[in-house]
N, C-alpha and C. Protein backbone atom coordinates (compact mmCIF):
# COMPACT_ATOMS: atom_id res chain seq x y z
N MET A 1 -30.04 -15.43 1.96
CA MET A 1 -28.90 -14.53 1.86
C MET A 1 -29.23 -13.46 0.83
N ASP A 2 -29.26 -12.21 1.25
CA ASP A 2 -29.61 -11.10 0.38
C ASP A 2 -28.37 -10.55 -0.30
N THR A 3 -28.23 -10.82 -1.60
CA THR A 3 -27.09 -10.30 -2.35
C THR A 3 -27.51 -9.16 -3.28
N THR A 4 -28.71 -8.64 -3.08
CA THR A 4 -29.19 -7.54 -3.92
C THR A 4 -28.73 -6.18 -3.40
N LYS A 5 -28.39 -6.11 -2.13
CA LYS A 5 -27.95 -4.85 -1.53
C LYS A 5 -26.44 -4.71 -1.65
N LYS A 6 -26.01 -3.51 -2.00
CA LYS A 6 -24.58 -3.24 -2.07
C LYS A 6 -23.99 -3.22 -0.67
N VAL A 7 -22.71 -3.54 -0.57
CA VAL A 7 -21.98 -3.56 0.70
C VAL A 7 -20.97 -2.42 0.67
N THR A 8 -20.81 -1.74 1.81
CA THR A 8 -19.89 -0.61 1.89
C THR A 8 -18.91 -0.81 3.04
N VAL A 9 -17.64 -0.52 2.76
CA VAL A 9 -16.59 -0.47 3.78
C VAL A 9 -15.90 0.88 3.63
N GLU A 10 -15.36 1.38 4.72
CA GLU A 10 -14.72 2.70 4.66
C GLU A 10 -13.70 2.88 5.76
N THR A 11 -12.82 3.86 5.55
CA THR A 11 -11.83 4.22 6.54
C THR A 11 -11.35 5.63 6.28
N ILE A 12 -10.69 6.21 7.26
CA ILE A 12 -10.04 7.51 7.10
C ILE A 12 -8.55 7.29 7.33
N ILE A 13 -7.75 7.71 6.35
CA ILE A 13 -6.31 7.50 6.37
C ILE A 13 -5.62 8.83 6.64
N ASN A 14 -4.68 8.80 7.54
CA ASN A 14 -3.93 10.00 7.90
C ASN A 14 -2.81 10.23 6.88
N ALA A 15 -3.22 10.61 5.68
CA ALA A 15 -2.28 10.88 4.59
C ALA A 15 -3.02 11.67 3.52
N PRO A 16 -2.29 12.48 2.75
CA PRO A 16 -2.94 13.24 1.68
C PRO A 16 -3.42 12.32 0.55
N VAL A 17 -4.40 12.78 -0.19
CA VAL A 17 -5.03 11.97 -1.22
C VAL A 17 -4.04 11.54 -2.30
N GLU A 18 -3.04 12.36 -2.60
CA GLU A 18 -2.06 11.99 -3.63
C GLU A 18 -1.29 10.73 -3.22
N LYS A 19 -0.89 10.65 -1.98
CA LYS A 19 -0.18 9.46 -1.49
C LYS A 19 -1.11 8.26 -1.46
N VAL A 20 -2.31 8.46 -0.96
CA VAL A 20 -3.29 7.37 -0.88
C VAL A 20 -3.55 6.81 -2.28
N TRP A 21 -3.76 7.69 -3.23
CA TRP A 21 -4.03 7.27 -4.62
C TRP A 21 -2.86 6.45 -5.17
N GLU A 22 -1.63 6.94 -4.99
CA GLU A 22 -0.44 6.23 -5.49
C GLU A 22 -0.35 4.84 -4.86
N PHE A 23 -0.50 4.77 -3.55
CA PHE A 23 -0.37 3.48 -2.86
C PHE A 23 -1.50 2.53 -3.25
N TRP A 24 -2.67 3.07 -3.54
CA TRP A 24 -3.82 2.23 -3.93
C TRP A 24 -3.65 1.67 -5.34
N THR A 25 -3.00 2.42 -6.22
CA THR A 25 -3.01 2.07 -7.64
C THR A 25 -1.71 1.50 -8.20
N GLU A 26 -0.58 1.70 -7.54
CA GLU A 26 0.71 1.22 -8.05
C GLU A 26 0.95 -0.24 -7.65
N PRO A 27 1.20 -1.12 -8.63
CA PRO A 27 1.38 -2.55 -8.33
C PRO A 27 2.44 -2.85 -7.27
N THR A 28 3.54 -2.08 -7.23
CA THR A 28 4.56 -2.35 -6.21
C THR A 28 3.99 -2.15 -4.80
N HIS A 29 3.09 -1.21 -4.64
CA HIS A 29 2.45 -1.00 -3.34
C HIS A 29 1.32 -2.01 -3.12
N ILE A 30 0.52 -2.27 -4.14
CA ILE A 30 -0.61 -3.21 -4.02
C ILE A 30 -0.12 -4.55 -3.45
N LYS A 31 1.02 -5.01 -3.92
CA LYS A 31 1.56 -6.30 -3.46
C LYS A 31 1.90 -6.29 -1.97
N LYS A 32 2.09 -5.11 -1.40
CA LYS A 32 2.48 -5.02 0.01
C LYS A 32 1.31 -4.90 0.97
N TRP A 33 0.14 -4.44 0.49
CA TRP A 33 -0.99 -4.23 1.42
C TRP A 33 -2.22 -5.07 1.12
N ASN A 34 -2.32 -5.66 -0.06
CA ASN A 34 -3.55 -6.31 -0.51
C ASN A 34 -3.74 -7.70 0.09
N THR A 35 -3.97 -7.75 1.39
CA THR A 35 -4.21 -9.01 2.09
C THR A 35 -5.23 -8.80 3.20
N PRO A 36 -6.06 -9.81 3.47
CA PRO A 36 -7.00 -9.69 4.58
C PRO A 36 -6.38 -10.05 5.92
N SER A 37 -5.26 -10.80 5.89
CA SER A 37 -4.62 -11.24 7.13
C SER A 37 -3.16 -11.58 6.87
N GLU A 38 -2.41 -11.78 7.93
CA GLU A 38 -0.97 -12.05 7.83
C GLU A 38 -0.64 -13.35 7.11
N ASP A 39 -1.59 -14.29 7.04
CA ASP A 39 -1.30 -15.57 6.39
C ASP A 39 -1.62 -15.57 4.89
N TRP A 40 -1.91 -14.39 4.35
CA TRP A 40 -2.15 -14.22 2.91
C TRP A 40 -1.14 -13.23 2.34
N HIS A 41 -0.96 -13.28 1.02
CA HIS A 41 -0.12 -12.30 0.35
C HIS A 41 -0.57 -12.14 -1.10
N THR A 42 -0.05 -11.10 -1.74
CA THR A 42 -0.34 -10.83 -3.14
C THR A 42 0.98 -10.82 -3.88
N PRO A 43 1.37 -11.98 -4.45
CA PRO A 43 2.67 -12.05 -5.11
C PRO A 43 2.72 -11.36 -6.48
N LYS A 44 1.55 -11.09 -7.07
CA LYS A 44 1.53 -10.49 -8.41
C LYS A 44 0.39 -9.48 -8.49
N ALA A 45 0.68 -8.31 -9.07
CA ALA A 45 -0.35 -7.29 -9.29
C ALA A 45 -0.04 -6.56 -10.59
N GLU A 46 -1.07 -6.38 -11.40
CA GLU A 46 -0.96 -5.62 -12.64
C GLU A 46 -2.10 -4.61 -12.65
N ASN A 47 -1.82 -3.40 -13.17
CA ASN A 47 -2.85 -2.37 -13.13
C ASN A 47 -2.69 -1.39 -14.28
N ASP A 48 -3.67 -1.37 -15.18
CA ASP A 48 -3.74 -0.43 -16.29
C ASP A 48 -4.87 0.55 -15.97
N LEU A 49 -4.55 1.56 -15.17
CA LEU A 49 -5.54 2.46 -14.58
C LEU A 49 -6.04 3.49 -15.58
N ARG A 50 -7.01 3.08 -16.38
CA ARG A 50 -7.68 3.96 -17.35
C ARG A 50 -9.01 3.30 -17.70
N VAL A 51 -9.96 4.09 -18.18
CA VAL A 51 -11.24 3.52 -18.59
C VAL A 51 -10.97 2.48 -19.68
N GLY A 52 -11.48 1.27 -19.46
CA GLY A 52 -11.25 0.15 -20.37
C GLY A 52 -10.01 -0.64 -20.03
N GLY A 53 -9.17 -0.13 -19.13
CA GLY A 53 -7.96 -0.83 -18.71
C GLY A 53 -8.31 -1.98 -17.77
N GLU A 54 -7.42 -2.95 -17.70
CA GLU A 54 -7.64 -4.12 -16.85
C GLU A 54 -6.70 -4.10 -15.66
N PHE A 55 -7.13 -4.78 -14.60
CA PHE A 55 -6.27 -4.98 -13.44
C PHE A 55 -6.43 -6.42 -12.98
N CYS A 56 -5.39 -6.93 -12.33
CA CYS A 56 -5.46 -8.28 -11.76
C CYS A 56 -4.45 -8.39 -10.64
N SER A 57 -4.91 -8.88 -9.50
CA SER A 57 -4.05 -9.17 -8.37
C SER A 57 -4.20 -10.64 -8.03
N ARG A 58 -3.09 -11.32 -7.85
CA ARG A 58 -3.11 -12.73 -7.46
C ARG A 58 -2.99 -12.78 -5.94
N MET A 59 -4.06 -13.25 -5.29
CA MET A 59 -4.05 -13.39 -3.83
C MET A 59 -3.90 -14.86 -3.49
N GLU A 60 -2.98 -15.15 -2.55
CA GLU A 60 -2.72 -16.54 -2.18
C GLU A 60 -2.50 -16.67 -0.68
N ALA A 61 -2.91 -17.83 -0.17
CA ALA A 61 -2.53 -18.18 1.19
C ALA A 61 -1.03 -18.45 1.18
N LYS A 62 -0.30 -17.97 2.18
CA LYS A 62 1.14 -18.14 2.20
C LYS A 62 1.56 -19.61 2.26
N ASP A 63 0.69 -20.47 2.79
CA ASP A 63 1.03 -21.90 2.85
C ASP A 63 0.73 -22.63 1.53
N GLY A 64 0.25 -21.89 0.53
CA GLY A 64 -0.01 -22.47 -0.78
C GLY A 64 -1.30 -23.26 -0.90
N SER A 65 -2.13 -23.25 0.14
CA SER A 65 -3.34 -24.07 0.15
C SER A 65 -4.46 -23.52 -0.74
N PHE A 66 -4.42 -22.22 -1.04
CA PHE A 66 -5.50 -21.64 -1.83
C PHE A 66 -5.02 -20.34 -2.45
N GLY A 67 -5.57 -19.99 -3.60
CA GLY A 67 -5.24 -18.72 -4.24
C GLY A 67 -6.26 -18.42 -5.32
N PHE A 68 -6.36 -17.16 -5.68
CA PHE A 68 -7.28 -16.77 -6.73
C PHE A 68 -6.84 -15.43 -7.33
N ASP A 69 -7.29 -15.18 -8.56
CA ASP A 69 -7.06 -13.90 -9.22
C ASP A 69 -8.26 -13.01 -8.96
N PHE A 70 -7.98 -11.76 -8.60
CA PHE A 70 -9.01 -10.76 -8.39
C PHE A 70 -8.79 -9.69 -9.44
N GLY A 71 -9.73 -9.57 -10.38
CA GLY A 71 -9.49 -8.62 -11.44
C GLY A 71 -10.76 -8.17 -12.13
N GLY A 72 -10.58 -7.17 -13.00
CA GLY A 72 -11.71 -6.65 -13.74
C GLY A 72 -11.27 -5.58 -14.71
N ILE A 73 -12.26 -4.80 -15.16
CA ILE A 73 -12.05 -3.74 -16.15
C ILE A 73 -12.59 -2.43 -15.58
N TYR A 74 -11.80 -1.37 -15.76
CA TYR A 74 -12.20 -0.06 -15.24
C TYR A 74 -13.31 0.56 -16.08
N ASP A 75 -14.35 1.04 -15.39
CA ASP A 75 -15.48 1.73 -16.02
C ASP A 75 -15.32 3.24 -15.95
N ASP A 76 -14.69 3.73 -14.87
CA ASP A 76 -14.53 5.17 -14.67
C ASP A 76 -13.31 5.40 -13.78
N VAL A 77 -12.51 6.39 -14.12
CA VAL A 77 -11.35 6.77 -13.32
C VAL A 77 -11.28 8.28 -13.30
N LYS A 78 -11.38 8.86 -12.10
CA LYS A 78 -11.20 10.30 -11.91
C LYS A 78 -10.08 10.45 -10.88
N THR A 79 -8.92 10.85 -11.34
CA THR A 79 -7.73 10.91 -10.50
C THR A 79 -8.01 11.62 -9.17
N TYR A 80 -7.60 10.95 -8.09
CA TYR A 80 -7.76 11.43 -6.71
C TYR A 80 -9.21 11.48 -6.23
N GLU A 81 -10.17 10.98 -7.03
CA GLU A 81 -11.58 11.06 -6.64
C GLU A 81 -12.33 9.74 -6.70
N LEU A 82 -12.21 9.02 -7.83
CA LEU A 82 -13.08 7.86 -8.04
C LEU A 82 -12.42 6.80 -8.91
N ILE A 83 -12.63 5.55 -8.51
CA ILE A 83 -12.30 4.40 -9.34
C ILE A 83 -13.54 3.51 -9.34
N ALA A 84 -14.04 3.19 -10.54
CA ALA A 84 -15.19 2.29 -10.67
C ALA A 84 -14.79 1.19 -11.64
N TYR A 85 -15.15 -0.05 -11.28
CA TYR A 85 -14.81 -1.16 -12.17
C TYR A 85 -15.85 -2.26 -12.10
N THR A 86 -15.76 -3.14 -13.10
CA THR A 86 -16.60 -4.33 -13.16
C THR A 86 -15.68 -5.54 -13.02
N LEU A 87 -15.99 -6.39 -12.05
CA LEU A 87 -15.22 -7.61 -11.84
C LEU A 87 -15.52 -8.62 -12.95
N GLY A 88 -14.69 -9.63 -13.04
CA GLY A 88 -14.84 -10.65 -14.06
C GLY A 88 -16.19 -11.35 -14.04
N ASP A 89 -16.83 -11.41 -12.87
CA ASP A 89 -18.13 -12.07 -12.76
C ASP A 89 -19.31 -11.10 -12.94
N GLY A 90 -19.01 -9.84 -13.32
CA GLY A 90 -20.06 -8.86 -13.60
C GLY A 90 -20.44 -7.96 -12.45
N ARG A 91 -19.91 -8.22 -11.26
CA ARG A 91 -20.23 -7.36 -10.12
C ARG A 91 -19.54 -6.01 -10.26
N LYS A 92 -20.18 -4.97 -9.71
CA LYS A 92 -19.66 -3.60 -9.79
C LYS A 92 -19.05 -3.17 -8.46
N VAL A 93 -17.99 -2.35 -8.56
CA VAL A 93 -17.31 -1.80 -7.40
C VAL A 93 -17.05 -0.32 -7.67
N ASP A 94 -17.34 0.53 -6.67
CA ASP A 94 -17.02 1.95 -6.72
C ASP A 94 -16.16 2.29 -5.52
N ILE A 95 -15.07 3.04 -5.76
CA ILE A 95 -14.19 3.47 -4.68
C ILE A 95 -14.08 4.99 -4.77
N THR A 96 -14.45 5.66 -3.69
CA THR A 96 -14.42 7.12 -3.63
C THR A 96 -13.30 7.55 -2.69
N PHE A 97 -12.54 8.55 -3.12
CA PHE A 97 -11.47 9.13 -2.31
C PHE A 97 -11.85 10.58 -2.03
N ARG A 98 -11.88 10.96 -0.74
CA ARG A 98 -12.23 12.34 -0.37
C ARG A 98 -11.17 12.89 0.57
N GLU A 99 -10.51 13.95 0.15
CA GLU A 99 -9.49 14.56 1.00
C GLU A 99 -10.14 15.53 1.98
N LYS A 100 -9.69 15.44 3.23
CA LYS A 100 -10.19 16.32 4.28
C LYS A 100 -9.02 16.69 5.19
N GLU A 101 -8.47 17.88 4.99
CA GLU A 101 -7.40 18.39 5.85
C GLU A 101 -6.29 17.38 6.10
N ASN A 102 -5.58 16.99 5.04
CA ASN A 102 -4.45 16.07 5.09
C ASN A 102 -4.83 14.65 5.52
N GLN A 103 -6.09 14.34 5.46
CA GLN A 103 -6.59 12.98 5.65
C GLN A 103 -7.37 12.61 4.40
N THR A 104 -7.50 11.31 4.15
CA THR A 104 -8.27 10.86 3.00
C THR A 104 -9.26 9.81 3.44
N GLU A 105 -10.51 10.06 3.14
CA GLU A 105 -11.57 9.08 3.39
C GLU A 105 -11.68 8.19 2.15
N VAL A 106 -11.64 6.88 2.36
CA VAL A 106 -11.79 5.92 1.28
C VAL A 106 -13.06 5.13 1.54
N ILE A 107 -13.96 5.13 0.56
CA ILE A 107 -15.24 4.42 0.68
C ILE A 107 -15.36 3.46 -0.50
N GLU A 108 -15.47 2.18 -0.19
CA GLU A 108 -15.66 1.16 -1.22
C GLU A 108 -17.07 0.61 -1.12
N THR A 109 -17.77 0.57 -2.24
CA THR A 109 -19.11 0.00 -2.30
C THR A 109 -19.10 -1.07 -3.38
N PHE A 110 -19.57 -2.27 -3.04
CA PHE A 110 -19.50 -3.37 -4.00
C PHE A 110 -20.74 -4.24 -3.97
N ASP A 111 -20.99 -4.89 -5.11
CA ASP A 111 -22.04 -5.89 -5.20
C ASP A 111 -21.49 -7.17 -4.57
N PRO A 112 -22.19 -7.76 -3.61
CA PRO A 112 -21.69 -9.00 -3.01
C PRO A 112 -21.83 -10.18 -3.98
N GLU A 113 -20.95 -11.18 -3.81
CA GLU A 113 -21.08 -12.41 -4.58
C GLU A 113 -22.09 -13.31 -3.88
N THR A 114 -22.46 -14.40 -4.51
CA THR A 114 -23.55 -15.23 -4.00
C THR A 114 -23.10 -16.44 -3.19
N THR A 115 -21.80 -16.68 -3.07
CA THR A 115 -21.30 -17.86 -2.35
C THR A 115 -21.27 -17.64 -0.84
N ASN A 116 -20.77 -16.50 -0.41
CA ASN A 116 -20.60 -16.20 1.01
C ASN A 116 -21.59 -15.13 1.46
N PRO A 117 -21.99 -15.16 2.73
CA PRO A 117 -22.91 -14.14 3.25
C PRO A 117 -22.31 -12.73 3.10
N PRO A 118 -23.14 -11.74 2.79
CA PRO A 118 -22.63 -10.36 2.64
C PRO A 118 -21.84 -9.86 3.84
N GLU A 119 -22.25 -10.22 5.05
CA GLU A 119 -21.52 -9.75 6.23
C GLU A 119 -20.10 -10.32 6.28
N PHE A 120 -19.95 -11.56 5.87
CA PHE A 120 -18.62 -12.20 5.79
C PHE A 120 -17.76 -11.46 4.76
N GLN A 121 -18.35 -11.14 3.62
CA GLN A 121 -17.63 -10.41 2.58
C GLN A 121 -17.23 -9.02 3.07
N LYS A 122 -18.14 -8.37 3.78
CA LYS A 122 -17.85 -7.04 4.32
C LYS A 122 -16.64 -7.11 5.25
N GLN A 123 -16.59 -8.13 6.10
CA GLN A 123 -15.46 -8.28 7.03
C GLN A 123 -14.15 -8.46 6.27
N GLY A 124 -14.16 -9.27 5.21
CA GLY A 124 -12.96 -9.49 4.41
C GLY A 124 -12.48 -8.23 3.71
N TRP A 125 -13.40 -7.52 3.07
CA TRP A 125 -13.04 -6.28 2.38
C TRP A 125 -12.57 -5.22 3.37
N GLN A 126 -13.22 -5.16 4.55
CA GLN A 126 -12.81 -4.20 5.56
C GLN A 126 -11.41 -4.53 6.08
N SER A 127 -11.11 -5.81 6.24
CA SER A 127 -9.77 -6.22 6.69
C SER A 127 -8.70 -5.76 5.70
N ILE A 128 -8.97 -5.91 4.41
CA ILE A 128 -8.02 -5.46 3.40
C ILE A 128 -7.87 -3.94 3.44
N LEU A 129 -8.99 -3.24 3.58
CA LEU A 129 -8.95 -1.78 3.67
C LEU A 129 -8.19 -1.33 4.92
N ASP A 130 -8.39 -2.00 6.03
CA ASP A 130 -7.66 -1.68 7.26
C ASP A 130 -6.17 -1.92 7.07
N ASN A 131 -5.81 -2.98 6.35
CA ASN A 131 -4.40 -3.27 6.08
C ASN A 131 -3.81 -2.17 5.19
N PHE A 132 -4.61 -1.70 4.22
CA PHE A 132 -4.16 -0.59 3.37
C PHE A 132 -3.90 0.65 4.22
N LYS A 133 -4.82 0.98 5.12
CA LYS A 133 -4.67 2.14 6.00
C LYS A 133 -3.36 2.05 6.79
N LYS A 134 -3.12 0.90 7.36
CA LYS A 134 -1.90 0.69 8.15
C LYS A 134 -0.65 0.90 7.28
N TYR A 135 -0.66 0.29 6.09
CA TYR A 135 0.47 0.42 5.17
C TYR A 135 0.68 1.88 4.75
N ALA A 136 -0.38 2.56 4.36
CA ALA A 136 -0.27 3.93 3.88
C ALA A 136 0.22 4.89 4.97
N GLU A 137 -0.20 4.65 6.19
CA GLU A 137 0.18 5.54 7.28
C GLU A 137 1.60 5.26 7.79
N GLN A 138 2.10 4.04 7.59
CA GLN A 138 3.42 3.68 8.12
C GLN A 138 4.53 3.72 7.08
N THR A 139 4.20 3.93 5.81
CA THR A 139 5.19 3.91 4.74
C THR A 139 5.40 5.31 4.19
N ASN A 140 6.66 5.67 4.01
CA ASN A 140 6.97 6.98 3.44
C ASN A 140 7.08 6.89 1.94
């Protein structure tokens, strides 16, 4: 299993970058979209969006069978353009936001963890990103 290569997921959202940024970073919104599937939810989200600030989202199976905290510390924040952070286990994540004619391209690149195959991780992260796209496009 090759965990030395970064993994990338991406989507194009039919919304302006200002809305995408708000929905991506505000805890009230994070709790509504941050799930890979309908049987998961995020009951708690905290976000101190600044260099050196911390974030943490509690992701849980709705049946209570499993849950974990997903969090880290921000390394770089450029409003409407870039969020870079280091997860608690030392892995790096970069998220780029690019506005294109009232659409926003979101590209996430991350270091894979060593427990699950990178392709499995890519599918999970893409599912969450797809859920974000759906939420951002359907919510005013």
